Amino acid sequence: MFLVASRPDDLKLAGAIGRTFEATGNTALSAEFIGVAKDLAEPASLIADNGVTVAPEVIVYWLGVEVGRLHPKAGAVIEEDLAAFIQQSRAQIAQEMLLDNEFFRNTFHSDLPLDCKRCHIPPTDRRSY
């Protein structure tokens, strides 16, 4: 999350985001908080590298790939929106990776709405899934 630390509303959002990530209990998720100048002049390299155009800006990554951005308004209740966004993004990526058994072997996915017959049926019981 890119935020202006001198703005109380940004700090409240940062706290809510931190609590949301902590509540997931999912070690594959993490949060980083980066303080920026009000005019987005500093830290110039991080702002440019991440294409930040406004603060606060939440960039969501899953397995090292950006899956989207959120631009919460001051005073917004972000917890539910962020949790839904992360769940939707994970489900979309998992659906795209459905044929990659190696991906699922190393990625928590039992909470996602997927048909896991291919990866959870013993090899002797597999048919044309």
N, C-alpha and C. Protein backbone atom coordinates (compact mmCIF):
# COMPACT_ATOMS: atom_id res chain seq x y z
N MET A 1 0.85 -1.17 0.00
CA MET A 1 0.00 0.00 0.00
C MET A 1 0.89 1.23 0.00
N PHE A 2 0.63 2.11 -0.91
CA PHE A 2 1.30 3.41 -0.96
C PHE A 2 0.38 4.40 -0.25
N LEU A 3 0.91 5.09 0.76
CA LEU A 3 0.09 5.98 1.55
C LEU A 3 0.87 7.22 1.96
N VAL A 4 0.15 8.27 2.26
CA VAL A 4 0.74 9.49 2.79
C VAL A 4 0.61 9.38 4.31
N ALA A 5 1.72 9.12 4.97
CA ALA A 5 1.70 8.83 6.41
C ALA A 5 1.24 10.01 7.25
N SER A 6 1.30 11.21 6.71
CA SER A 6 0.85 12.38 7.48
C SER A 6 -0.66 12.57 7.43
N ARG A 7 -1.36 11.74 6.65
CA ARG A 7 -2.83 11.84 6.58
C ARG A 7 -3.46 10.76 7.47
N PRO A 8 -4.20 11.17 8.48
CA PRO A 8 -4.82 10.20 9.39
C PRO A 8 -5.70 9.17 8.67
N ASP A 9 -6.43 9.57 7.63
CA ASP A 9 -7.29 8.61 6.93
C ASP A 9 -6.46 7.52 6.25
N ASP A 10 -5.29 7.86 5.72
CA ASP A 10 -4.42 6.86 5.11
C ASP A 10 -3.93 5.87 6.17
N LEU A 11 -3.60 6.38 7.35
CA LEU A 11 -3.14 5.50 8.43
C LEU A 11 -4.24 4.56 8.90
N LYS A 12 -5.48 5.06 8.94
CA LYS A 12 -6.62 4.20 9.32
C LYS A 12 -6.79 3.09 8.29
N LEU A 13 -6.68 3.44 7.00
CA LEU A 13 -6.78 2.43 5.95
C LEU A 13 -5.66 1.40 6.08
N ALA A 14 -4.45 1.87 6.35
CA ALA A 14 -3.32 0.96 6.50
C ALA A 14 -3.57 -0.02 7.65
N GLY A 15 -4.10 0.49 8.75
CA GLY A 15 -4.41 -0.39 9.89
C GLY A 15 -5.46 -1.43 9.51
N ALA A 16 -6.48 -1.01 8.79
CA ALA A 16 -7.54 -1.94 8.37
C ALA A 16 -6.98 -3.00 7.42
N ILE A 17 -6.12 -2.59 6.52
CA ILE A 17 -5.52 -3.55 5.58
C ILE A 17 -4.63 -4.53 6.33
N GLY A 18 -3.84 -4.03 7.27
CA GLY A 18 -3.00 -4.92 8.07
C GLY A 18 -3.82 -5.95 8.84
N ARG A 19 -4.91 -5.50 9.45
CA ARG A 19 -5.79 -6.43 10.18
C ARG A 19 -6.43 -7.44 9.25
N THR A 20 -6.80 -7.00 8.04
CA THR A 20 -7.42 -7.91 7.08
C THR A 20 -6.45 -9.01 6.67
N PHE A 21 -5.22 -8.64 6.37
CA PHE A 21 -4.22 -9.63 5.98
C PHE A 21 -3.93 -10.58 7.14
N GLU A 22 -3.83 -10.05 8.33
CA GLU A 22 -3.57 -10.88 9.50
C GLU A 22 -4.72 -11.86 9.75
N ALA A 23 -5.95 -11.40 9.54
CA ALA A 23 -7.12 -12.24 9.79
C ALA A 23 -7.24 -13.40 8.82
N THR A 24 -6.65 -13.27 7.64
CA THR A 24 -6.75 -14.37 6.68
C THR A 24 -6.03 -15.61 7.17
N GLY A 25 -4.97 -15.42 7.94
CA GLY A 25 -4.20 -16.58 8.41
C GLY A 25 -3.50 -17.30 7.28
N ASN A 26 -3.39 -16.66 6.13
CA ASN A 26 -2.79 -17.28 4.94
C ASN A 26 -1.38 -16.74 4.77
N THR A 27 -0.38 -17.60 4.96
CA THR A 27 1.00 -17.15 4.89
C THR A 27 1.44 -16.80 3.47
N ALA A 28 0.65 -17.13 2.47
CA ALA A 28 0.98 -16.75 1.10
C ALA A 28 0.68 -15.29 0.84
N LEU A 29 -0.07 -14.67 1.74
CA LEU A 29 -0.41 -13.26 1.59
C LEU A 29 0.45 -12.42 2.52
N SER A 30 0.86 -11.28 2.05
CA SER A 30 1.60 -10.36 2.89
C SER A 30 1.25 -8.93 2.47
N ALA A 31 1.57 -8.01 3.32
CA ALA A 31 1.29 -6.61 3.03
C ALA A 31 2.56 -5.79 3.23
N GLU A 32 2.76 -4.82 2.37
CA GLU A 32 3.86 -3.88 2.50
C GLU A 32 3.26 -2.48 2.49
N PHE A 33 3.80 -1.61 3.32
CA PHE A 33 3.31 -0.24 3.42
C PHE A 33 4.45 0.71 3.09
N ILE A 34 4.22 1.59 2.13
CA ILE A 34 5.25 2.52 1.68
C ILE A 34 4.72 3.93 1.81
N GLY A 35 5.39 4.71 2.62
CA GLY A 35 5.02 6.11 2.80
C GLY A 35 5.52 6.94 1.63
N VAL A 36 4.67 7.81 1.12
CA VAL A 36 5.02 8.66 -0.01
C VAL A 36 4.72 10.12 0.33
N ALA A 37 5.35 11.02 -0.41
CA ALA A 37 5.07 12.45 -0.26
C ALA A 37 3.69 12.75 -0.83
N LYS A 38 3.06 13.79 -0.32
CA LYS A 38 1.73 14.17 -0.79
C LYS A 38 1.69 14.40 -2.30
N ASP A 39 2.77 14.95 -2.84
CA ASP A 39 2.83 15.22 -4.29
C ASP A 39 3.38 14.03 -5.10
N LEU A 40 3.59 12.90 -4.44
CA LEU A 40 4.12 11.68 -5.04
C LEU A 40 5.52 11.87 -5.66
N ALA A 41 6.28 12.80 -5.12
CA ALA A 41 7.63 13.04 -5.62
C ALA A 41 8.64 12.06 -5.00
N GLU A 42 8.37 11.57 -3.84
CA GLU A 42 9.27 10.66 -3.14
C GLU A 42 8.50 9.49 -2.56
N PRO A 43 9.07 8.33 -2.51
CA PRO A 43 10.32 7.86 -3.11
C PRO A 43 10.14 7.63 -4.61
N ALA A 44 10.80 8.42 -5.39
CA ALA A 44 10.60 8.48 -6.84
C ALA A 44 10.74 7.13 -7.52
N SER A 45 11.78 6.37 -7.19
CA SER A 45 11.99 5.10 -7.90
C SER A 45 10.89 4.09 -7.61
N LEU A 46 10.46 3.98 -6.35
CA LEU A 46 9.38 3.04 -6.02
C LEU A 46 8.06 3.45 -6.66
N ILE A 47 7.80 4.74 -6.68
CA ILE A 47 6.56 5.23 -7.29
C ILE A 47 6.57 4.96 -8.79
N ALA A 48 7.69 5.23 -9.45
CA ALA A 48 7.81 5.00 -10.89
C ALA A 48 7.77 3.51 -11.21
N ASP A 49 8.51 2.71 -10.46
CA ASP A 49 8.56 1.26 -10.72
C ASP A 49 7.19 0.60 -10.59
N ASN A 50 6.36 1.13 -9.70
CA ASN A 50 5.05 0.54 -9.46
C ASN A 50 3.91 1.27 -10.16
N GLY A 51 4.23 2.32 -10.90
CA GLY A 51 3.20 3.05 -11.64
C GLY A 51 2.14 3.68 -10.76
N VAL A 52 2.54 4.13 -9.59
CA VAL A 52 1.60 4.74 -8.65
C VAL A 52 1.19 6.12 -9.15
N THR A 53 -0.11 6.37 -9.19
CA THR A 53 -0.62 7.65 -9.68
C THR A 53 -1.39 8.42 -8.63
N VAL A 54 -1.72 7.77 -7.54
CA VAL A 54 -2.50 8.41 -6.48
C VAL A 54 -2.22 7.66 -5.17
N ALA A 55 -2.34 8.38 -4.06
CA ALA A 55 -2.22 7.74 -2.76
C ALA A 55 -3.47 8.08 -1.96
N PRO A 56 -4.08 7.13 -1.30
CA PRO A 56 -3.59 5.77 -1.13
C PRO A 56 -3.88 4.89 -2.36
N GLU A 57 -2.97 3.95 -2.58
CA GLU A 57 -3.15 2.97 -3.65
C GLU A 57 -2.71 1.61 -3.11
N VAL A 58 -3.57 0.63 -3.26
CA VAL A 58 -3.29 -0.73 -2.82
C VAL A 58 -3.04 -1.56 -4.06
N ILE A 59 -1.85 -2.16 -4.14
CA ILE A 59 -1.53 -3.04 -5.25
C ILE A 59 -1.53 -4.46 -4.70
N VAL A 60 -2.33 -5.32 -5.29
CA VAL A 60 -2.46 -6.69 -4.81
C VAL A 60 -1.67 -7.61 -5.72
N TYR A 61 -0.77 -8.39 -5.11
CA TYR A 61 0.05 -9.37 -5.83
C TYR A 61 -0.33 -10.75 -5.33
N TRP A 62 -0.33 -11.71 -6.22
CA TRP A 62 -0.52 -13.10 -5.85
C TRP A 62 0.58 -13.89 -6.54
N LEU A 63 1.42 -14.55 -5.73
CA LEU A 63 2.55 -15.32 -6.23
C LEU A 63 3.45 -14.47 -7.12
N GLY A 64 3.66 -13.22 -6.71
CA GLY A 64 4.57 -12.33 -7.40
C GLY A 64 4.03 -11.63 -8.63
N VAL A 65 2.75 -11.83 -8.94
CA VAL A 65 2.15 -11.22 -10.12
C VAL A 65 1.07 -10.24 -9.68
N GLU A 66 1.10 -9.05 -10.24
CA GLU A 66 0.06 -8.08 -9.90
C GLU A 66 -1.28 -8.56 -10.44
N VAL A 67 -2.28 -8.57 -9.56
CA VAL A 67 -3.62 -8.99 -9.98
C VAL A 67 -4.61 -7.83 -9.96
N GLY A 68 -4.20 -6.69 -9.42
CA GLY A 68 -5.10 -5.55 -9.46
C GLY A 68 -4.73 -4.47 -8.47
N ARG A 69 -5.48 -3.39 -8.56
CA ARG A 69 -5.25 -2.23 -7.70
C ARG A 69 -6.56 -1.72 -7.14
N LEU A 70 -6.48 -1.22 -5.94
CA LEU A 70 -7.62 -0.59 -5.30
C LEU A 70 -7.24 0.83 -4.93
N HIS A 71 -8.19 1.74 -5.05
CA HIS A 71 -7.99 3.15 -4.69
C HIS A 71 -9.07 3.54 -3.69
N PRO A 72 -8.89 3.13 -2.43
CA PRO A 72 -9.93 3.43 -1.43
C PRO A 72 -10.04 4.91 -1.14
N LYS A 73 -11.26 5.35 -0.93
CA LYS A 73 -11.54 6.74 -0.58
C LYS A 73 -11.34 6.94 0.92
N ALA A 74 -11.10 8.16 1.32
CA ALA A 74 -10.93 8.47 2.73
C ALA A 74 -12.16 8.01 3.51
N GLY A 75 -11.92 7.34 4.61
CA GLY A 75 -13.01 6.87 5.45
C GLY A 75 -13.68 5.59 4.97
N ALA A 76 -13.18 5.00 3.88
CA ALA A 76 -13.79 3.78 3.33
C ALA A 76 -13.58 2.61 4.28
N VAL A 77 -14.55 1.71 4.28
CA VAL A 77 -14.42 0.45 5.00
C VAL A 77 -13.84 -0.54 3.99
N ILE A 78 -12.56 -0.78 4.08
CA ILE A 78 -11.83 -1.52 3.05
C ILE A 78 -11.79 -3.03 3.29
N GLU A 79 -11.99 -3.47 4.51
CA GLU A 79 -11.78 -4.87 4.85
C GLU A 79 -12.55 -5.84 3.95
N GLU A 80 -13.86 -5.63 3.81
CA GLU A 80 -14.67 -6.56 3.02
C GLU A 80 -14.33 -6.48 1.53
N ASP A 81 -14.13 -5.25 1.03
CA ASP A 81 -13.77 -5.10 -0.39
C ASP A 81 -12.44 -5.77 -0.70
N LEU A 82 -11.46 -5.59 0.18
CA LEU A 82 -10.14 -6.17 -0.03
C LEU A 82 -10.21 -7.70 0.04
N ALA A 83 -10.90 -8.22 1.03
CA ALA A 83 -11.02 -9.68 1.17
C ALA A 83 -11.71 -10.28 -0.05
N ALA A 84 -12.77 -9.66 -0.52
CA ALA A 84 -13.48 -10.16 -1.71
C ALA A 84 -12.60 -10.07 -2.95
N PHE A 85 -11.87 -8.98 -3.08
CA PHE A 85 -10.99 -8.79 -4.22
C PHE A 85 -9.89 -9.86 -4.25
N ILE A 86 -9.28 -10.11 -3.10
CA ILE A 86 -8.22 -11.13 -3.03
C ILE A 86 -8.78 -12.50 -3.34
N GLN A 87 -9.92 -12.84 -2.78
CA GLN A 87 -10.52 -14.15 -3.03
C GLN A 87 -10.86 -14.32 -4.50
N GLN A 88 -11.44 -13.30 -5.11
CA GLN A 88 -11.80 -13.36 -6.53
C GLN A 88 -10.55 -13.50 -7.39
N SER A 89 -9.50 -12.78 -7.06
CA SER A 89 -8.25 -12.85 -7.83
C SER A 89 -7.61 -14.23 -7.71
N ARG A 90 -7.59 -14.77 -6.50
CA ARG A 90 -7.02 -16.11 -6.30
C ARG A 90 -7.80 -17.16 -7.08
N ALA A 91 -9.12 -17.06 -7.04
CA ALA A 91 -9.95 -18.03 -7.76
C ALA A 91 -9.71 -17.93 -9.27
N GLN A 92 -9.57 -16.73 -9.78
CA GLN A 92 -9.33 -16.54 -11.21
C GLN A 92 -7.98 -17.13 -11.62
N ILE A 93 -6.95 -16.85 -10.85
CA ILE A 93 -5.62 -17.40 -11.16
C ILE A 93 -5.64 -18.91 -11.05
N ALA A 94 -6.27 -19.43 -10.00
CA ALA A 94 -6.33 -20.88 -9.83
C ALA A 94 -7.07 -21.54 -10.99
N GLN A 95 -8.14 -20.93 -11.44
CA GLN A 95 -8.89 -21.47 -12.57
C GLN A 95 -8.01 -21.54 -13.82
N GLU A 96 -7.20 -20.49 -14.02
CA GLU A 96 -6.29 -20.46 -15.16
C GLU A 96 -5.20 -21.52 -15.05
N MET A 97 -4.85 -21.89 -13.82
CA MET A 97 -3.77 -22.86 -13.58
C MET A 97 -4.31 -24.28 -13.34
N LEU A 98 -5.58 -24.50 -13.58
CA LEU A 98 -6.23 -25.75 -13.20
C LEU A 98 -5.53 -27.01 -13.72
N LEU A 99 -4.91 -26.96 -14.87
CA LEU A 99 -4.26 -28.14 -15.43
C LEU A 99 -2.82 -28.32 -14.93
N ASP A 100 -2.34 -27.42 -14.11
CA ASP A 100 -0.96 -27.48 -13.62
C ASP A 100 -0.94 -28.11 -12.23
N ASN A 101 -0.79 -29.44 -12.19
CA ASN A 101 -0.80 -30.15 -10.91
C ASN A 101 0.32 -29.69 -9.99
N GLU A 102 1.47 -29.34 -10.54
CA GLU A 102 2.60 -28.88 -9.72
C GLU A 102 2.24 -27.59 -8.98
N PHE A 103 1.54 -26.69 -9.67
CA PHE A 103 1.10 -25.44 -9.05
C PHE A 103 0.23 -25.75 -7.83
N PHE A 104 -0.73 -26.64 -7.98
CA PHE A 104 -1.65 -26.93 -6.89
C PHE A 104 -1.02 -27.75 -5.78
N ARG A 105 -0.01 -28.52 -6.12
CA ARG A 105 0.67 -29.31 -5.10
C ARG A 105 1.33 -28.38 -4.08
N ASN A 106 1.75 -27.20 -4.51
CA ASN A 106 2.48 -26.29 -3.64
C ASN A 106 1.71 -25.02 -3.28
N THR A 107 0.44 -24.96 -3.63
CA THR A 107 -0.36 -23.76 -3.38
C THR A 107 -1.65 -24.12 -2.65
N PHE A 108 -1.87 -23.47 -1.52
CA PHE A 108 -3.10 -23.68 -0.76
C PHE A 108 -4.29 -23.29 -1.63
N HIS A 109 -5.28 -24.19 -1.74
CA HIS A 109 -6.42 -23.89 -2.59
C HIS A 109 -7.73 -24.54 -2.15
N SER A 110 -7.76 -25.15 -0.98
CA SER A 110 -8.97 -25.85 -0.58
C SER A 110 -10.14 -24.91 -0.31
N ASP A 111 -9.87 -23.62 -0.15
CA ASP A 111 -10.95 -22.67 0.10
C ASP A 111 -11.52 -22.07 -1.18
N LEU A 112 -10.99 -22.47 -2.33
CA LEU A 112 -11.44 -21.89 -3.59
C LEU A 112 -12.51 -22.76 -4.26
N PRO A 113 -13.42 -22.14 -5.00
CA PRO A 113 -14.50 -22.89 -5.65
C PRO A 113 -14.01 -23.56 -6.95
N LEU A 114 -13.24 -24.63 -6.79
CA LEU A 114 -12.66 -25.32 -7.95
C LEU A 114 -13.08 -26.78 -7.98
N ASP A 115 -13.08 -27.35 -9.15
CA ASP A 115 -13.29 -28.78 -9.31
C ASP A 115 -11.91 -29.43 -9.31
N CYS A 116 -11.56 -30.03 -8.18
CA CYS A 116 -10.20 -30.56 -8.01
C CYS A 116 -10.09 -32.06 -8.27
N LYS A 117 -11.00 -32.61 -9.03
CA LYS A 117 -10.94 -34.05 -9.29
C LYS A 117 -9.60 -34.48 -9.89
N ARG A 118 -9.08 -33.67 -10.82
CA ARG A 118 -7.84 -34.03 -11.50
C ARG A 118 -6.68 -34.21 -10.52
N CYS A 119 -6.61 -33.36 -9.51
CA CYS A 119 -5.44 -33.42 -8.64
C CYS A 119 -5.66 -34.22 -7.35
N HIS A 120 -6.90 -34.56 -7.02
CA HIS A 120 -7.14 -35.26 -5.76
C HIS A 120 -7.62 -36.70 -5.91
N ILE A 121 -7.81 -37.14 -7.12
CA ILE A 121 -8.20 -38.54 -7.34
C ILE A 121 -6.91 -39.35 -7.53
N PRO A 122 -6.78 -40.47 -6.86
CA PRO A 122 -5.58 -41.29 -7.03
C PRO A 122 -5.39 -41.66 -8.51
N PRO A 123 -4.14 -41.76 -8.99
CA PRO A 123 -3.87 -42.03 -10.40
C PRO A 123 -4.59 -43.27 -10.95
N THR A 124 -4.79 -44.30 -10.14
CA THR A 124 -5.46 -45.50 -10.61
C THR A 124 -6.94 -45.29 -10.86
N ASP A 125 -7.52 -44.27 -10.21
CA ASP A 125 -8.96 -43.99 -10.37
C ASP A 125 -9.25 -42.94 -11.43
N ARG A 126 -8.23 -42.38 -12.03
CA ARG A 126 -8.45 -41.30 -13.00
C ARG A 126 -8.97 -41.86 -14.31
N ARG A 127 -9.91 -41.12 -14.81
CA ARG A 127 -10.44 -41.44 -16.13
C ARG A 127 -10.13 -40.25 -17.02
N SER A 128 -11.04 -39.80 -17.78
CA SER A 128 -10.78 -38.68 -18.69
C SER A 128 -11.20 -37.35 -18.07
N TYR A 129 -10.59 -37.00 -16.95
CA TYR A 129 -10.91 -35.72 -16.30
C TYR A 129 -10.13 -34.63 -16.92
